[in-house]
Amino acid sequence: MKGYTHAPDEKCAYARLEGVNASYKDLSEVCGVIRRKRVEWAVSFLQKAAAGEVPVRYRRHNKKLAHRRELGGKKGRYPKKAAKIVLKVLKSALANGINKGLGEKYVVRSAVANKKHIYPRVAPKGRWARSYLETARVEIVLEAVNDDTSRKVD
C-alpha cells in the first residue's frame, strides 16, 4: 500500500506499523476509542488497557459479547495485545512530531487499523486442515494543537 489513508499535511506527524500478528478487529476498536482525543489522554488510556485495568467498548464486532459495568452496560473486552501495539505506534508518531518540531501538544486526527495480508497454513503430517494467518496494519496521524486556539477536543 502506498501512502496513508489520511491526506498528508505539514502540521501533522505520522506513524505506521505493518504486518502485525494481531486481530485487526481488536486493533480497529482500540483505534476508535483514541480517535479525536488528546495524546496525553490516549497514552494513559492505552497503558491502562494494556494492563487490563479498563475495558474497550466494541461498537462493531460485538456479537455474543458480554456487557461491562465499567462501560455503563455497553459491550466490551480487554484487548491487551492490541492496546500495546497501538500504544507503540502512538509513541512513535509522538516522537516523529517532536522530532519535526511541531510542538508538545497533539490531537489524534486519524487512527486506523486494517487487514494487511492473509497467509494460508496447512496442518502437519498429511492432515489437510487449513487455517489462515491474518496480519494487520495500524497507522496514526497526530495534529499539532496550539494552546491559544479555542478548539473543543474531548
C-alpha atoms as a PDB file:
ATOM      1  CA  MET A   1       0.000   0.000   0.000  1.00  0.00           C
ATOM      2  CA  LYS A   2       1.320   3.412  -0.880  1.00  0.00           C
ATOM      3  CA  GLY A   3       0.839   6.337   1.450  1.00  0.00           C
ATOM      4  CA  TYR A   4      -1.545   6.854   4.328  1.00  0.00           C
ATOM      5  CA  THR A   5      -5.323   6.777   4.434  1.00  0.00           C
ATOM      6  CA  HIS A   6      -5.255  10.386   5.615  1.00  0.00           C
ATOM      7  CA  ALA A   7      -4.110  13.209   3.319  1.00  0.00           C
ATOM      8  CA  PRO A   8      -0.610  14.460   4.218  1.00  0.00           C
ATOM      9  CA  ASP A   9      -0.230  17.810   5.936  1.00  0.00           C
ATOM     10  CA  GLU A  10       2.807  19.762   7.132  1.00  0.00           C
ATOM     11  CA  LYS A  11       1.301  20.248  10.626  1.00  0.00           C
ATOM     12  CA  CYS A  12       0.883  16.506  11.178  1.00  0.00           C
ATOM     13  CA  ALA A  13       3.047  13.677  12.482  1.00  0.00           C
ATOM     14  CA  TYR A  14       2.629  10.164  11.112  1.00  0.00           C
ATOM     15  CA  ALA A  15       3.484   6.621  12.159  1.00  0.00           C
ATOM     16  CA  ARG A  16       2.559   3.250  10.695  1.00  0.00           C
ATOM     17  CA  LEU A  17       3.204  -0.377  11.620  1.00  0.00           C
ATOM     18  CA  GLU A  18       2.568  -3.100   9.053  1.00  0.00           C
ATOM     19  CA  GLY A  19       2.463  -6.876   9.213  1.00  0.00           C
ATOM     20  CA  VAL A  20       1.289  -7.060  12.822  1.00  0.00           C
ATOM     21  CA  ASN A  21       0.285 -10.518  14.037  1.00  0.00           C
ATOM     22  CA  ALA A  22      -2.809  -9.349  15.920  1.00  0.00           C
ATOM     23  CA  SER A  23      -6.543  -9.204  15.365  1.00  0.00           C
ATOM     24  CA  TYR A  24      -7.402  -6.289  13.096  1.00  0.00           C
ATOM     25  CA  LYS A  25     -10.854  -6.194  14.670  1.00  0.00           C
ATOM     26  CA  ASP A  26      -9.393  -5.602  18.133  1.00  0.00           C
ATOM     27  CA  LEU A  27      -6.949  -3.059  16.720  1.00  0.00           C
ATOM     28  CA  SER A  28      -9.727  -1.144  14.957  1.00  0.00           C
ATOM     29  CA  GLU A  29     -11.825  -0.937  18.123  1.00  0.00           C
ATOM     30  CA  VAL A  30      -8.877   0.336  20.172  1.00  0.00           C
ATOM     31  CA  CYS A  31      -8.102   2.916  17.466  1.00  0.00           C
ATOM     32  CA  GLY A  32     -11.745   4.012  17.501  1.00  0.00           C
ATOM     33  CA  VAL A  33     -11.530   4.855  21.204  1.00  0.00           C
ATOM     34  CA  ILE A  34      -8.493   7.144  20.886  1.00  0.00           C
ATOM     35  CA  ARG A  35      -9.568   8.896  17.679  1.00  0.00           C
ATOM     36  CA  ARG A  36     -10.078  12.699  18.083  1.00  0.00           C
ATOM     37  CA  LYS A  37      -8.665  12.645  21.637  1.00  0.00           C
ATOM     38  CA  ARG A  38      -5.661  14.408  23.144  1.00  0.00           C
ATOM     39  CA  VAL A  39      -2.443  12.406  23.102  1.00  0.00           C
ATOM     40  CA  GLU A  40      -1.927  12.634  26.885  1.00  0.00           C
ATOM     41  CA  TRP A  41      -5.328  11.042  27.493  1.00  0.00           C
ATOM     42  CA  ALA A  42      -4.776   8.428  24.778  1.00  0.00           C
ATOM     43  CA  VAL A  43      -1.415   7.344  26.199  1.00  0.00           C
ATOM     44  CA  SER A  44      -2.799   6.966  29.720  1.00  0.00           C
ATOM     45  CA  PHE A  45      -5.851   5.071  28.439  1.00  0.00           C
ATOM     46  CA  LEU A  46      -3.753   2.691  26.345  1.00  0.00           C
ATOM     47  CA  GLN A  47      -1.407   2.000  29.265  1.00  0.00           C
ATOM     48  CA  LYS A  48      -4.393   1.104  31.453  1.00  0.00           C
ATOM     49  CA  ALA A  49      -5.937  -1.025  28.676  1.00  0.00           C
ATOM     50  CA  ALA A  50      -2.640  -2.851  28.101  1.00  0.00           C
ATOM     51  CA  ALA A  51      -2.537  -3.668  31.811  1.00  0.00           C
ATOM     52  CA  GLY A  52      -6.132  -4.923  31.699  1.00  0.00           C
ATOM     53  CA  GLU A  53      -7.480  -2.269  34.066  1.00  0.00           C
ATOM     54  CA  VAL A  54     -10.086  -0.701  31.766  1.00  0.00           C
ATOM     55  CA  PRO A  55     -12.256  -2.304  29.075  1.00  0.00           C
ATOM     56  CA  VAL A  56     -12.534  -1.130  25.479  1.00  0.00           C
ATOM     57  CA  ARG A  57     -16.004  -0.628  24.075  1.00  0.00           C
ATOM     58  CA  TYR A  58     -16.719  -2.695  20.969  1.00  0.00           C
ATOM     59  CA  ARG A  59     -19.072  -0.873  18.653  1.00  0.00           C
ATOM     60  CA  ARG A  60     -18.899  -3.086  15.612  1.00  0.00           C
ATOM     61  CA  HIS A  61     -17.555  -6.602  16.174  1.00  0.00           C
ATOM     62  CA  ASN A  62     -19.671  -7.382  19.222  1.00  0.00           C
ATOM     63  CA  LYS A  63     -21.907 -10.396  18.576  1.00  0.00           C
ATOM     64  CA  LYS A  64     -22.241 -12.660  21.613  1.00  0.00           C
ATOM     65  CA  LEU A  65     -20.147 -10.262  23.669  1.00  0.00           C
ATOM     66  CA  ALA A  66     -20.596  -9.609  27.379  1.00  0.00           C
ATOM     67  CA  HIS A  67     -21.757  -6.334  28.892  1.00  0.00           C
ATOM     68  CA  ARG A  68     -19.335  -4.390  31.058  1.00  0.00           C
ATOM     69  CA  ARG A  69     -20.335  -2.470  34.161  1.00  0.00           C
ATOM     70  CA  GLU A  70     -17.453  -0.025  33.628  1.00  0.00           C
ATOM     71  CA  LEU A  71     -18.907   0.900  30.236  1.00  0.00           C
ATOM     72  CA  GLY A  72     -22.395   1.534  31.578  1.00  0.00           C
ATOM     73  CA  GLY A  73     -23.805  -1.747  30.298  1.00  0.00           C
ATOM     74  CA  LYS A  74     -22.239  -1.465  26.838  1.00  0.00           C
ATOM     75  CA  LYS A  75     -20.397  -4.357  25.227  1.00  0.00           C
ATOM     76  CA  GLY A  76     -16.632  -4.533  25.538  1.00  0.00           C
ATOM     77  CA  ARG A  77     -13.471  -6.549  26.057  1.00  0.00           C
ATOM     78  CA  TYR A  78      -9.942  -6.233  27.389  1.00  0.00           C
ATOM     79  CA  PRO A  79      -7.678  -6.362  24.270  1.00  0.00           C
ATOM     80  CA  LYS A  80      -4.253  -6.170  25.950  1.00  0.00           C
ATOM     81  CA  LYS A  81      -2.179  -7.147  22.907  1.00  0.00           C
ATOM     82  CA  ALA A  82      -3.940  -4.663  20.617  1.00  0.00           C
ATOM     83  CA  ALA A  83      -3.584  -1.863  23.179  1.00  0.00           C
ATOM     84  CA  LYS A  84       0.170  -2.481  23.457  1.00  0.00           C
ATOM     85  CA  ILE A  85       0.581  -2.345  19.676  1.00  0.00           C
ATOM     86  CA  VAL A  86      -1.447   0.857  19.285  1.00  0.00           C
ATOM     87  CA  LEU A  87       0.473   2.435  22.188  1.00  0.00           C
ATOM     88  CA  LYS A  88       3.747   1.620  20.434  1.00  0.00           C
ATOM     89  CA  VAL A  89       2.574   3.277  17.205  1.00  0.00           C
ATOM     90  CA  LEU A  90       1.208   6.297  19.093  1.00  0.00           C
ATOM     91  CA  LYS A  91       4.527   6.837  20.882  1.00  0.00           C
ATOM     92  CA  SER A  92       6.334   6.570  17.551  1.00  0.00           C
ATOM     93  CA  ALA A  93       4.065   9.197  15.986  1.00  0.00           C
ATOM     94  CA  LEU A  94       4.582  11.448  19.016  1.00  0.00           C
ATOM     95  CA  ALA A  95       8.366  11.097  18.708  1.00  0.00           C
ATOM     96  CA  ASN A  96       8.121  11.894  14.986  1.00  0.00           C
ATOM     97  CA  GLY A  97       6.156  15.062  15.742  1.00  0.00           C
ATOM     98  CA  ILE A  98       8.610  16.231  18.367  1.00  0.00           C
ATOM     99  CA  ASN A  99      11.497  15.486  16.001  1.00  0.00           C
ATOM    100  CA  LYS A 100       9.816  17.571  13.278  1.00  0.00           C
ATOM    101  CA  GLY A 101       9.488  20.443  15.750  1.00  0.00           C
ATOM    102  CA  LEU A 102       5.691  20.663  15.682  1.00  0.00           C
ATOM    103  CA  GLY A 103       5.323  21.245  19.420  1.00  0.00           C
ATOM    104  CA  GLU A 104       4.402  19.287  22.519  1.00  0.00           C
ATOM    105  CA  LYS A 105       0.590  19.081  22.371  1.00  0.00           C
ATOM    106  CA  TYR A 106      -1.183  16.892  19.838  1.00  0.00           C
ATOM    107  CA  VAL A 107      -4.602  15.520  18.966  1.00  0.00           C
ATOM    108  CA  VAL A 108      -5.108  12.138  17.322  1.00  0.00           C
ATOM    109  CA  ARG A 109      -6.547  13.186  13.968  1.00  0.00           C
ATOM    110  CA  SER A 110      -6.691   9.691  12.487  1.00  0.00           C
ATOM    111  CA  ALA A 111      -6.196   6.219  13.963  1.00  0.00           C
ATOM    112  CA  VAL A 112      -6.870   3.370  11.553  1.00  0.00           C
ATOM    113  CA  ALA A 113      -6.356  -0.403  11.606  1.00  0.00           C
ATOM    114  CA  ASN A 114      -6.940  -2.610   8.568  1.00  0.00           C
ATOM    115  CA  LYS A 115      -6.320  -6.140   7.422  1.00  0.00           C
ATOM    116  CA  LYS A 116      -2.992  -6.448   5.602  1.00  0.00           C
ATOM    117  CA  HIS A 117      -2.213  -9.988   4.345  1.00  0.00           C
ATOM    118  CA  ILE A 118      -3.719 -13.462   4.632  1.00  0.00           C
ATOM    119  CA  TYR A 119      -1.299 -16.392   4.658  1.00  0.00           C
ATOM    120  CA  PRO A 120      -2.687 -19.953   4.324  1.00  0.00           C
ATOM    121  CA  ARG A 121      -1.326 -22.569   6.705  1.00  0.00           C
ATOM    122  CA  VAL A 122      -1.669 -26.356   6.439  1.00  0.00           C
ATOM    123  CA  ALA A 123      -1.535 -28.737   9.412  1.00  0.00           C
ATOM    124  CA  PRO A 124       1.426 -31.169   9.552  1.00  0.00           C
ATOM    125  CA  LYS A 125       1.522 -34.949   8.966  1.00  0.00           C
ATOM    126  CA  GLY A 126      -0.752 -35.065   5.946  1.00  0.00           C
ATOM    127  CA  ARG A 127      -3.769 -33.607   7.681  1.00  0.00           C
ATOM    128  CA  TRP A 128      -5.450 -31.299   5.217  1.00  0.00           C
ATOM    129  CA  ALA A 129      -6.810 -28.975   7.869  1.00  0.00           C
ATOM    130  CA  ARG A 130      -6.248 -25.439   6.614  1.00  0.00           C
ATOM    131  CA  SER A 131      -6.013 -22.292   8.699  1.00  0.00           C
ATOM    132  CA  TYR A 132      -5.125 -18.712   7.884  1.00  0.00           C
ATOM    133  CA  LEU A 133      -2.762 -16.201   9.441  1.00  0.00           C
ATOM    134  CA  GLU A 134      -4.137 -12.671   9.091  1.00  0.00           C
ATOM    135  CA  THR A 135      -1.806  -9.738   9.607  1.00  0.00           C
ATOM    136  CA  ALA A 136      -2.846  -6.151  10.201  1.00  0.00           C
ATOM    137  CA  ARG A 137      -1.683  -2.583   9.633  1.00  0.00           C
ATOM    138  CA  VAL A 138      -2.005   0.277  12.145  1.00  0.00           C
ATOM    139  CA  GLU A 139      -1.480   3.920  11.232  1.00  0.00           C
ATOM    140  CA  ILE A 140      -1.841   7.015  13.388  1.00  0.00           C
ATOM    141  CA  VAL A 141      -1.820  10.684  12.380  1.00  0.00           C
ATOM    142  CA  LEU A 142      -1.306  13.370  15.018  1.00  0.00           C
ATOM    143  CA  GLU A 143      -2.158  17.028  14.552  1.00  0.00           C
ATOM    144  CA  ALA A 144      -0.290  19.742  16.464  1.00  0.00           C
ATOM    145  CA  VAL A 145      -2.541  21.897  18.649  1.00  0.00           C
ATOM    146  CA  ASN A 146      -1.783  25.375  19.954  1.00  0.00           C
ATOM    147  CA  ASP A 147      -2.872  26.315  23.464  1.00  0.00           C
ATOM    148  CA  ASP A 148      -4.383  29.608  22.350  1.00  0.00           C
ATOM    149  CA  THR A 149      -6.867  28.002  19.967  1.00  0.00           C
ATOM    150  CA  SER A 150     -10.375  27.627  21.311  1.00  0.00           C
ATOM    151  CA  ARG A 151     -10.980  24.336  19.555  1.00  0.00           C
ATOM    152  CA  LYS A 152     -13.040  21.927  21.616  1.00  0.00           C
ATOM    153  CA  VAL A 153     -11.482  18.482  21.952  1.00  0.00           C
ATOM    154  CA  ASP A 154     -12.830  15.657  24.137  1.00  0.00           C
END
